[in-house]
Amino acid sequence: VTASLAKIPTEKTRATQRVSKRPSRGYHTFKNRLLNITPKKDEEDQVTANQQAPLLRLPTEIREQIWSEVLGGKTFQQTYNQGRNQPSKFRPNRDRKHGLALPLTCRQIYAETASMPYK
């Protein structure tokens, strides 16, 4: 009986054996599907370095004008697959230049531009 009791994990051992699972894609999204831009501890140095980039040192008003020129004036329509309640994948026209890659450059630019195409 004592040998079987020794195998039962206590609360302390359970807590230390828990594995924190992180999605294989390396990022987390909120329920509204926007990216959680809070940097992880190992990413804080890179975030600091990104903030020193000349583009990100510009005043917010000027950056907003740049984002508006790159992303503004375009209409994007989300369509749904018939019979399913899931959005279809968006494939932009390859003949036209677009700025949809802009939010992918860094967390700060994502935070400033993610919702712009839908306004």
N, C-alpha and C. Protein backbone atom coordinates (compact mmCIF):
# COMPACT_ATOMS: atom_id res chain seq x y z
N VAL A 1 0.83 -1.19 0.00
CA VAL A 1 0.00 0.00 0.00
C VAL A 1 0.88 1.25 0.00
N THR A 2 1.96 1.28 0.79
CA THR A 2 2.83 2.46 0.81
C THR A 2 3.55 2.66 -0.52
N ALA A 3 3.86 1.58 -1.21
CA ALA A 3 4.53 1.71 -2.51
C ALA A 3 3.59 2.37 -3.52
N SER A 4 2.30 2.02 -3.48
CA SER A 4 1.35 2.63 -4.42
C SER A 4 1.08 4.09 -4.06
N LEU A 5 1.14 4.44 -2.77
CA LEU A 5 0.94 5.83 -2.36
C LEU A 5 2.09 6.71 -2.81
N ALA A 6 3.28 6.15 -2.89
CA ALA A 6 4.45 6.92 -3.31
C ALA A 6 4.34 7.32 -4.77
N LYS A 7 3.58 6.57 -5.56
CA LYS A 7 3.46 6.87 -6.99
C LYS A 7 2.40 7.93 -7.28
N ILE A 8 1.52 8.23 -6.32
CA ILE A 8 0.49 9.23 -6.53
C ILE A 8 1.13 10.61 -6.46
N PRO A 9 1.02 11.38 -7.54
CA PRO A 9 1.67 12.70 -7.52
C PRO A 9 0.95 13.67 -6.60
N THR A 10 1.71 14.45 -5.91
CA THR A 10 1.13 15.48 -5.04
C THR A 10 0.87 16.73 -5.88
N GLU A 11 0.20 17.71 -5.28
CA GLU A 11 -0.07 18.96 -5.99
C GLU A 11 1.23 19.63 -6.43
N LYS A 12 2.25 19.57 -5.58
CA LYS A 12 3.53 20.20 -5.91
C LYS A 12 4.17 19.55 -7.12
N THR A 13 4.18 18.22 -7.17
CA THR A 13 4.79 17.55 -8.32
C THR A 13 3.96 17.73 -9.57
N ARG A 14 2.64 17.80 -9.44
CA ARG A 14 1.80 18.05 -10.62
C ARG A 14 2.10 19.42 -11.22
N ALA A 15 2.27 20.40 -10.35
CA ALA A 15 2.52 21.76 -10.83
C ALA A 15 3.86 21.86 -11.55
N THR A 16 4.87 21.15 -11.07
CA THR A 16 6.17 21.22 -11.72
C THR A 16 6.25 20.36 -12.97
N GLN A 17 5.34 19.41 -13.14
CA GLN A 17 5.37 18.54 -14.30
C GLN A 17 4.49 19.05 -15.44
N ARG A 18 3.73 20.10 -15.20
CA ARG A 18 2.87 20.64 -16.26
C ARG A 18 3.73 21.20 -17.39
N VAL A 19 3.31 20.90 -18.58
CA VAL A 19 4.02 21.40 -19.75
C VAL A 19 3.22 22.56 -20.32
N SER A 20 3.87 23.67 -20.46
CA SER A 20 3.21 24.82 -21.07
C SER A 20 3.27 24.65 -22.57
N LYS A 21 2.12 24.39 -23.17
CA LYS A 21 2.09 24.15 -24.61
C LYS A 21 1.97 25.48 -25.34
N ARG A 22 2.76 25.64 -26.34
CA ARG A 22 2.73 26.82 -27.19
C ARG A 22 2.38 26.34 -28.60
N PRO A 23 1.52 27.03 -29.28
CA PRO A 23 1.17 26.59 -30.62
C PRO A 23 2.41 26.47 -31.50
N SER A 24 2.40 25.51 -32.40
CA SER A 24 3.56 25.30 -33.26
C SER A 24 3.82 26.51 -34.15
N ARG A 25 2.80 27.33 -34.39
CA ARG A 25 3.00 28.49 -35.25
C ARG A 25 3.77 29.60 -34.53
N GLY A 26 3.94 29.53 -33.22
CA GLY A 26 4.76 30.48 -32.49
C GLY A 26 4.09 31.77 -32.09
N TYR A 27 2.80 31.90 -32.27
CA TYR A 27 2.10 33.10 -31.85
C TYR A 27 0.72 32.73 -31.34
N HIS A 28 0.11 33.63 -30.61
CA HIS A 28 -1.22 33.41 -30.05
C HIS A 28 -2.17 34.45 -30.62
N THR A 29 -3.42 34.03 -30.81
CA THR A 29 -4.43 34.98 -31.27
C THR A 29 -5.54 35.07 -30.23
N PHE A 30 -6.22 36.21 -30.24
CA PHE A 30 -7.38 36.40 -29.38
C PHE A 30 -8.58 35.74 -30.04
N LYS A 31 -9.70 35.68 -29.34
CA LYS A 31 -10.91 35.09 -29.90
C LYS A 31 -11.39 35.84 -31.13
N ASN A 32 -11.09 37.14 -31.22
CA ASN A 32 -11.49 37.92 -32.39
C ASN A 32 -10.51 37.75 -33.55
N ARG A 33 -9.54 36.85 -33.39
CA ARG A 33 -8.56 36.46 -34.40
C ARG A 33 -7.45 37.48 -34.62
N LEU A 34 -7.40 38.53 -33.83
CA LEU A 34 -6.27 39.45 -33.92
C LEU A 34 -5.09 38.85 -33.15
N LEU A 35 -3.92 39.17 -33.60
CA LEU A 35 -2.71 38.64 -33.00
C LEU A 35 -2.46 39.26 -31.64
N ASN A 36 -2.09 38.44 -30.67
CA ASN A 36 -1.66 38.94 -29.37
C ASN A 36 -0.24 39.45 -29.56
N ILE A 37 -0.05 40.76 -29.48
CA ILE A 37 1.26 41.33 -29.78
C ILE A 37 2.16 41.49 -28.57
N THR A 38 1.72 41.00 -27.42
CA THR A 38 2.56 41.09 -26.23
C THR A 38 3.81 40.24 -26.44
N PRO A 39 5.00 40.85 -26.38
CA PRO A 39 6.21 40.07 -26.64
C PRO A 39 6.51 39.09 -25.51
N LYS A 40 7.04 37.95 -25.88
CA LYS A 40 7.49 36.97 -24.91
C LYS A 40 8.82 37.48 -24.32
N LYS A 41 9.23 36.91 -23.21
CA LYS A 41 10.46 37.38 -22.55
C LYS A 41 11.67 37.28 -23.48
N ASP A 42 11.75 36.20 -24.27
CA ASP A 42 12.90 36.03 -25.15
C ASP A 42 12.85 36.94 -26.37
N GLU A 43 11.76 37.67 -26.57
CA GLU A 43 11.61 38.55 -27.73
C GLU A 43 11.76 40.03 -27.37
N GLU A 44 11.93 40.34 -26.10
CA GLU A 44 11.97 41.73 -25.67
C GLU A 44 13.15 42.50 -26.27
N ASP A 45 14.30 41.85 -26.44
CA ASP A 45 15.45 42.54 -27.04
C ASP A 45 15.17 42.93 -28.48
N GLN A 46 14.51 42.03 -29.21
CA GLN A 46 14.19 42.33 -30.60
C GLN A 46 13.17 43.46 -30.70
N VAL A 47 12.21 43.48 -29.81
CA VAL A 47 11.21 44.56 -29.80
C VAL A 47 11.90 45.90 -29.57
N THR A 48 12.84 45.93 -28.64
CA THR A 48 13.58 47.17 -28.37
C THR A 48 14.38 47.60 -29.59
N ALA A 49 15.01 46.64 -30.26
CA ALA A 49 15.78 46.96 -31.48
C ALA A 49 14.86 47.47 -32.58
N ASN A 50 13.68 46.87 -32.73
CA ASN A 50 12.74 47.31 -33.76
C ASN A 50 12.29 48.75 -33.52
N GLN A 51 12.14 49.13 -32.27
CA GLN A 51 11.68 50.48 -31.95
C GLN A 51 12.70 51.54 -32.35
N GLN A 52 13.93 51.13 -32.58
CA GLN A 52 14.98 52.07 -32.99
C GLN A 52 15.05 52.21 -34.51
N ALA A 53 14.24 51.46 -35.25
CA ALA A 53 14.23 51.56 -36.71
C ALA A 53 13.77 52.96 -37.12
N PRO A 54 14.37 53.53 -38.16
CA PRO A 54 14.02 54.89 -38.57
C PRO A 54 12.52 55.07 -38.83
N LEU A 55 11.89 54.12 -39.46
CA LEU A 55 10.45 54.23 -39.75
C LEU A 55 9.63 54.34 -38.46
N LEU A 56 9.98 53.55 -37.46
CA LEU A 56 9.21 53.54 -36.22
C LEU A 56 9.55 54.72 -35.30
N ARG A 57 10.62 55.44 -35.62
CA ARG A 57 10.95 56.64 -34.85
C ARG A 57 10.21 57.87 -35.36
N LEU A 58 9.56 57.75 -36.51
CA LEU A 58 8.76 58.87 -37.03
C LEU A 58 7.58 59.12 -36.10
N PRO A 59 7.07 60.34 -36.07
CA PRO A 59 5.88 60.61 -35.26
C PRO A 59 4.69 59.76 -35.72
N THR A 60 3.82 59.45 -34.79
CA THR A 60 2.66 58.60 -35.07
C THR A 60 1.82 59.13 -36.22
N GLU A 61 1.62 60.43 -36.28
CA GLU A 61 0.78 61.02 -37.33
C GLU A 61 1.37 60.76 -38.71
N ILE A 62 2.68 60.84 -38.85
CA ILE A 62 3.32 60.60 -40.14
C ILE A 62 3.22 59.12 -40.50
N ARG A 63 3.45 58.24 -39.51
CA ARG A 63 3.31 56.80 -39.78
C ARG A 63 1.89 56.47 -40.22
N GLU A 64 0.90 57.08 -39.57
CA GLU A 64 -0.50 56.82 -39.96
C GLU A 64 -0.76 57.25 -41.40
N GLN A 65 -0.15 58.35 -41.84
CA GLN A 65 -0.29 58.77 -43.23
C GLN A 65 0.35 57.76 -44.18
N ILE A 66 1.51 57.23 -43.78
CA ILE A 66 2.18 56.21 -44.60
C ILE A 66 1.31 54.97 -44.68
N TRP A 67 0.80 54.50 -43.53
CA TRP A 67 -0.04 53.29 -43.53
C TRP A 67 -1.28 53.52 -44.40
N SER A 68 -1.84 54.71 -44.33
CA SER A 68 -3.03 55.02 -45.11
C SER A 68 -2.74 54.99 -46.61
N GLU A 69 -1.57 55.49 -47.01
CA GLU A 69 -1.18 55.45 -48.43
C GLU A 69 -0.98 54.01 -48.90
N VAL A 70 -0.39 53.20 -48.05
CA VAL A 70 -0.09 51.81 -48.43
C VAL A 70 -1.34 50.94 -48.39
N LEU A 71 -2.15 51.08 -47.35
CA LEU A 71 -3.30 50.19 -47.16
C LEU A 71 -4.64 50.82 -47.48
N GLY A 72 -4.70 52.14 -47.51
CA GLY A 72 -5.98 52.81 -47.68
C GLY A 72 -6.46 52.81 -49.12
N GLY A 73 -7.75 53.11 -49.29
CA GLY A 73 -8.32 53.22 -50.62
C GLY A 73 -8.57 51.91 -51.32
N LYS A 74 -8.42 50.82 -50.63
CA LYS A 74 -8.65 49.51 -51.22
C LYS A 74 -9.82 48.86 -50.49
N THR A 75 -10.60 48.11 -51.20
CA THR A 75 -11.75 47.44 -50.60
C THR A 75 -11.47 45.95 -50.56
N PHE A 76 -11.66 45.36 -49.40
CA PHE A 76 -11.51 43.92 -49.23
C PHE A 76 -12.84 43.37 -48.78
N GLN A 77 -13.25 42.31 -49.41
CA GLN A 77 -14.53 41.72 -49.04
C GLN A 77 -14.29 40.29 -48.60
N GLN A 78 -14.78 39.96 -47.42
CA GLN A 78 -14.67 38.60 -46.91
C GLN A 78 -15.87 37.81 -47.40
N THR A 79 -15.62 36.71 -48.06
CA THR A 79 -16.71 35.85 -48.54
C THR A 79 -16.71 34.57 -47.73
N TYR A 80 -17.85 33.93 -47.67
CA TYR A 80 -17.99 32.68 -46.93
C TYR A 80 -18.28 31.54 -47.89
N ASN A 81 -17.72 30.39 -47.59
CA ASN A 81 -18.01 29.21 -48.39
C ASN A 81 -19.48 28.86 -48.21
N GLN A 82 -20.13 28.50 -49.29
CA GLN A 82 -21.54 28.13 -49.20
C GLN A 82 -21.67 26.82 -48.43
N GLY A 83 -22.65 26.78 -47.54
CA GLY A 83 -22.89 25.57 -46.77
C GLY A 83 -22.02 25.44 -45.53
N ARG A 84 -21.05 26.32 -45.38
CA ARG A 84 -20.18 26.28 -44.20
C ARG A 84 -20.20 27.65 -43.55
N ASN A 85 -19.90 27.66 -42.30
CA ASN A 85 -19.83 28.93 -41.58
C ASN A 85 -18.37 29.32 -41.37
N GLN A 86 -17.57 29.12 -42.41
CA GLN A 86 -16.15 29.43 -42.32
C GLN A 86 -15.78 30.39 -43.44
N PRO A 87 -14.94 31.37 -43.15
CA PRO A 87 -14.54 32.27 -44.22
C PRO A 87 -13.66 31.55 -45.24
N SER A 88 -13.82 31.92 -46.49
CA SER A 88 -12.95 31.36 -47.51
C SER A 88 -11.60 32.07 -47.44
N LYS A 89 -10.60 31.50 -48.04
CA LYS A 89 -9.28 32.11 -48.00
C LYS A 89 -9.21 33.26 -48.99
N PHE A 90 -8.56 34.32 -48.58
CA PHE A 90 -8.42 35.50 -49.42
C PHE A 90 -7.16 35.35 -50.24
N ARG A 91 -7.30 35.47 -51.53
CA ARG A 91 -6.14 35.45 -52.42
C ARG A 91 -6.17 36.73 -53.25
N PRO A 92 -5.28 37.66 -52.95
CA PRO A 92 -5.30 38.92 -53.69
C PRO A 92 -4.87 38.72 -55.14
N ASN A 93 -5.30 39.62 -55.98
CA ASN A 93 -4.91 39.59 -57.38
C ASN A 93 -3.41 39.82 -57.47
N ARG A 94 -2.70 38.91 -58.10
CA ARG A 94 -1.24 39.01 -58.18
C ARG A 94 -0.78 40.14 -59.11
N ASP A 95 -1.65 40.61 -59.98
CA ASP A 95 -1.28 41.67 -60.91
C ASP A 95 -1.21 43.03 -60.21
N ARG A 96 -1.89 43.18 -59.12
CA ARG A 96 -1.94 44.47 -58.42
C ARG A 96 -0.99 44.46 -57.23
N LYS A 97 -0.38 45.59 -57.01
CA LYS A 97 0.47 45.75 -55.83
C LYS A 97 -0.43 46.07 -54.64
N HIS A 98 -0.13 45.50 -53.52
CA HIS A 98 -0.90 45.77 -52.32
C HIS A 98 0.03 45.75 -51.11
N GLY A 99 -0.42 46.32 -50.04
CA GLY A 99 0.40 46.41 -48.84
C GLY A 99 0.00 45.44 -47.75
N LEU A 100 -0.65 44.33 -48.11
CA LEU A 100 -1.11 43.41 -47.07
C LEU A 100 0.03 42.76 -46.30
N ALA A 101 1.24 42.81 -46.81
CA ALA A 101 2.38 42.24 -46.09
C ALA A 101 2.89 43.21 -45.02
N LEU A 102 2.47 44.45 -45.07
CA LEU A 102 2.95 45.45 -44.12
C LEU A 102 2.73 45.04 -42.66
N PRO A 103 1.54 44.56 -42.27
CA PRO A 103 1.35 44.18 -40.86
C PRO A 103 2.21 42.99 -40.43
N LEU A 104 2.82 42.29 -41.36
CA LEU A 104 3.63 41.12 -41.00
C LEU A 104 5.07 41.49 -40.66
N THR A 105 5.45 42.75 -40.79
CA THR A 105 6.84 43.12 -40.62
C THR A 105 7.31 43.11 -39.16
N CYS A 106 6.50 43.63 -38.25
CA CYS A 106 6.84 43.56 -36.83
C CYS A 106 5.59 43.82 -36.00
N ARG A 107 5.67 43.56 -34.71
CA ARG A 107 4.50 43.66 -33.83
C ARG A 107 3.94 45.08 -33.76
N GLN A 108 4.81 46.08 -33.72
CA GLN A 108 4.32 47.45 -33.61
C GLN A 108 3.57 47.86 -34.87
N ILE A 109 4.12 47.54 -36.03
CA ILE A 109 3.43 47.88 -37.28
C ILE A 109 2.13 47.10 -37.38
N TYR A 110 2.12 45.85 -36.94
CA TYR A 110 0.87 45.08 -36.92
C TYR A 110 -0.17 45.78 -36.05
N ALA A 111 0.25 46.21 -34.87
CA ALA A 111 -0.69 46.86 -33.95
C ALA A 111 -1.27 48.13 -34.56
N GLU A 112 -0.48 48.83 -35.34
CA GLU A 112 -0.93 50.09 -35.93
C GLU A 112 -1.73 49.90 -37.21
N THR A 113 -1.58 48.76 -37.89
CA THR A 113 -2.19 48.61 -39.22
C THR A 113 -3.17 47.46 -39.39
N ALA A 114 -3.28 46.57 -38.43
CA ALA A 114 -4.05 45.33 -38.63
C ALA A 114 -5.49 45.57 -39.06
N SER A 115 -6.13 46.56 -38.52
CA SER A 115 -7.55 46.77 -38.84
C SER A 115 -7.78 47.76 -39.99
N MET A 116 -6.74 48.38 -40.50
CA MET A 116 -6.90 49.41 -41.53
C MET A 116 -7.59 48.93 -42.81
N PRO A 117 -7.29 47.75 -43.34
CA PRO A 117 -7.96 47.34 -44.59
C PRO A 117 -9.47 47.17 -44.43
N TYR A 118 -9.96 47.05 -43.22
CA TYR A 118 -11.38 46.79 -42.99
C TYR A 118 -12.15 48.04 -42.60
N LYS A 119 -11.50 49.19 -42.55
CA LYS A 119 -12.17 50.45 -42.17
C LYS A 119 -12.85 51.07 -43.36
